[in-house]
Amino acid sequence: MGNLPILPTISTTFIVLSALTVAIGWWQIKQREIEKHRKTMTLAGIFAVIFFIIYASRTVFVGNTSFGGPDDIKIYYTVFLIFHITLATLGAILGITSLWTGYKQRLAFHRKLGPVTSVVWFFTGITGVAVYLLLYVFYHGGETTSLIKAILGG
């Protein structure tokens, strides 16, 4: 395993914490613990925002790491990564909408959207961890180039 990169490790931890708190919040609402559910889901959102801030900052200033595994599986990794990014984008949109409908007491829609959002977020967390493992644990990451360097040609 060697030395794991600090920012990807921290950001992946926050997405896992977000998914875990969503699971706890789902259980709480099944138990009719509405105030606990609200607080837990708010915390899940905060964890997701922390993940995004770390991820976006790293992408801009440090860069993204390319897949460093064998060339014969790179296409599978790329397809999987596209699937994960699509899920993450959908999960973020659904998450924001679910939080908003909950806070605005639009509960009929919130009750329908919440379970879908949760399932998408669980798969986002799982696939995010898989991407992390493929990039940093199972294989050594490839080249990392920051967005700023790529734009400025440095």
Protein backbone atom coordinates (compact mmCIF):
# COMPACT_ATOMS: atom_id res chain seq x y z
CA MET A 1 0.00 0.00 0.00
CA GLY A 2 2.85 2.37 0.67
CA ASN A 3 2.10 6.01 1.21
CA LEU A 4 -1.44 7.01 0.36
CA PRO A 5 -2.00 10.54 -0.98
CA ILE A 6 -3.43 12.73 1.74
CA LEU A 7 -6.04 14.82 -0.12
CA PRO A 8 -7.67 11.94 -2.05
CA THR A 9 -7.70 9.89 1.16
CA ILE A 10 -9.36 12.70 3.11
CA SER A 11 -11.89 13.49 0.37
CA THR A 12 -12.81 9.80 -0.04
CA THR A 13 -13.27 9.56 3.73
CA PHE A 14 -15.76 12.44 3.59
CA ILE A 15 -17.80 10.85 0.81
CA VAL A 16 -17.94 7.62 2.84
CA LEU A 17 -19.03 9.61 5.90
CA SER A 18 -21.70 11.26 3.78
CA ALA A 19 -23.05 7.91 2.57
CA LEU A 20 -23.00 6.48 6.11
CA THR A 21 -24.89 9.45 7.51
CA VAL A 22 -27.46 9.13 4.71
CA ALA A 23 -27.98 5.51 5.78
CA ILE A 24 -28.38 6.58 9.40
CA GLY A 25 -30.80 9.34 8.36
CA TRP A 26 -32.86 6.88 6.34
CA TRP A 27 -33.12 4.60 9.38
CA GLN A 28 -34.05 7.56 11.59
CA ILE A 29 -36.94 8.62 9.36
CA LYS A 30 -38.20 5.01 9.29
CA GLN A 31 -38.27 5.29 13.10
CA ARG A 32 -40.18 8.60 12.78
CA GLU A 33 -37.31 10.52 14.41
CA ILE A 34 -37.88 13.57 12.25
CA GLU A 35 -35.61 16.07 14.01
CA LYS A 36 -32.75 13.57 14.23
CA HIS A 37 -33.30 12.77 10.54
CA ARG A 38 -33.11 16.46 9.61
CA LYS A 39 -29.88 16.97 11.55
CA THR A 40 -28.29 13.79 10.21
CA MET A 41 -29.16 14.58 6.61
CA THR A 42 -27.81 18.10 7.07
CA LEU A 43 -24.57 16.55 8.33
CA ALA A 44 -24.52 14.21 5.31
CA GLY A 45 -24.82 17.27 3.08
CA ILE A 46 -22.01 19.03 4.95
CA PHE A 47 -19.78 15.96 4.52
CA ALA A 48 -20.58 15.95 0.79
CA VAL A 49 -19.75 19.66 0.48
CA ILE A 50 -16.43 19.14 2.30
CA PHE A 51 -15.66 16.30 -0.12
CA PHE A 52 -16.49 18.53 -3.08
CA ILE A 53 -14.38 21.46 -1.82
CA ILE A 54 -11.36 19.19 -1.32
CA TYR A 55 -11.90 17.43 -4.66
CA ALA A 56 -12.41 20.65 -6.65
CA SER A 57 -9.47 22.39 -4.98
CA ARG A 58 -7.20 19.44 -5.64
CA THR A 59 -8.39 19.24 -9.25
CA VAL A 60 -7.61 22.91 -9.87
CA PHE A 61 -4.36 23.30 -7.93
CA VAL A 62 -2.79 19.82 -7.80
CA GLY A 63 -4.57 18.02 -10.60
CA ASN A 64 -6.23 14.75 -11.38
CA THR A 65 -4.32 11.52 -11.34
CA SER A 66 -4.49 9.37 -14.42
CA PHE A 67 -4.99 5.62 -14.18
CA GLY A 68 -1.68 3.91 -13.57
CA GLY A 69 -2.81 0.31 -13.94
CA PRO A 70 -2.30 -2.04 -16.88
CA ASP A 71 -3.18 -0.69 -20.32
CA ASP A 72 -5.41 -3.68 -21.08
CA ILE A 73 -7.88 -2.66 -18.35
CA LYS A 74 -7.64 1.11 -18.80
CA ILE A 75 -10.75 1.18 -21.00
CA TYR A 76 -12.76 -0.61 -18.29
CA TYR A 77 -11.51 1.85 -15.69
CA THR A 78 -12.46 4.77 -17.95
CA VAL A 79 -15.99 3.44 -18.51
CA PHE A 80 -16.33 2.83 -14.77
CA LEU A 81 -15.07 6.35 -14.03
CA ILE A 82 -17.60 7.87 -16.44
CA PHE A 83 -20.33 5.85 -14.70
CA HIS A 84 -19.13 7.11 -11.30
CA ILE A 85 -18.97 10.75 -12.46
CA THR A 86 -22.48 10.48 -13.91
CA LEU A 87 -23.78 8.98 -10.65
CA ALA A 88 -22.00 11.63 -8.58
CA THR A 89 -23.46 14.45 -10.65
CA LEU A 90 -26.95 12.97 -10.48
CA GLY A 91 -26.49 12.28 -6.76
CA ALA A 92 -25.46 15.87 -6.10
CA ILE A 93 -28.48 17.25 -7.96
CA LEU A 94 -30.83 14.82 -6.20
CA GLY A 95 -29.17 15.52 -2.84
CA ILE A 96 -29.56 19.28 -3.14
CA THR A 97 -33.16 18.84 -4.28
CA SER A 98 -33.93 16.40 -1.45
CA LEU A 99 -32.46 18.71 1.18
CA TRP A 100 -34.30 21.70 -0.29
CA THR A 101 -37.68 19.92 -0.43
CA GLY A 102 -37.20 18.72 3.14
CA TYR A 103 -36.33 22.19 4.44
CA LYS A 104 -39.22 23.76 2.52
CA GLN A 105 -41.66 21.17 3.92
CA ARG A 106 -42.55 19.89 0.46
CA LEU A 107 -42.84 16.52 2.07
CA ALA A 108 -44.93 14.64 -0.51
CA PHE A 109 -42.21 15.14 -3.12
CA HIS A 110 -39.43 14.76 -0.52
CA ARG A 111 -40.78 11.35 0.55
CA LYS A 112 -40.72 10.12 -3.05
CA LEU A 113 -37.32 11.62 -3.90
CA GLY A 114 -35.46 10.72 -0.70
CA PRO A 115 -35.18 6.96 -1.20
CA VAL A 116 -34.08 7.39 -4.82
CA THR A 117 -31.51 9.98 -3.77
CA SER A 118 -30.21 7.70 -1.03
CA VAL A 119 -29.73 4.72 -3.33
CA VAL A 120 -27.96 6.87 -5.94
CA TRP A 121 -25.75 8.33 -3.18
CA PHE A 122 -24.87 4.88 -1.84
CA PHE A 123 -23.75 3.79 -5.30
CA THR A 124 -21.86 7.06 -5.71
CA GLY A 125 -20.01 6.37 -2.46
CA ILE A 126 -19.26 2.77 -3.38
CA THR A 127 -18.03 3.62 -6.87
CA GLY A 128 -16.03 6.55 -5.46
CA VAL A 129 -14.22 4.23 -3.08
CA ALA A 130 -13.61 1.81 -5.97
CA VAL A 131 -12.07 4.63 -8.06
CA TYR A 132 -9.87 5.60 -5.10
CA LEU A 133 -8.74 1.99 -4.63
CA LEU A 134 -7.98 1.59 -8.34
CA LEU A 135 -6.01 4.84 -8.48
CA TYR A 136 -4.07 4.71 -5.24
CA VAL A 137 -4.20 1.28 -3.58
CA PHE A 138 -4.36 -1.51 -6.18
CA TYR A 139 -2.21 0.37 -8.71
CA HIS A 140 0.16 3.30 -8.48
CA GLY A 141 -1.46 6.42 -9.84
CA GLY A 142 -0.31 7.74 -13.17
CA GLU A 143 0.67 11.31 -13.98
CA THR A 144 -0.99 14.17 -12.11
CA THR A 145 -1.36 17.51 -13.88
CA SER A 146 -3.12 20.52 -12.40
CA LEU A 147 -5.77 22.38 -14.33
CA ILE A 148 -3.83 25.61 -13.87
CA LYS A 149 -0.66 24.05 -15.35
CA ALA A 150 -2.64 22.52 -18.17
CA ILE A 151 -4.22 25.91 -19.01
CA LEU A 152 -1.04 27.94 -18.61
CA GLY A 153 1.13 25.35 -20.34
CA GLY A 154 3.43 24.88 -17.34
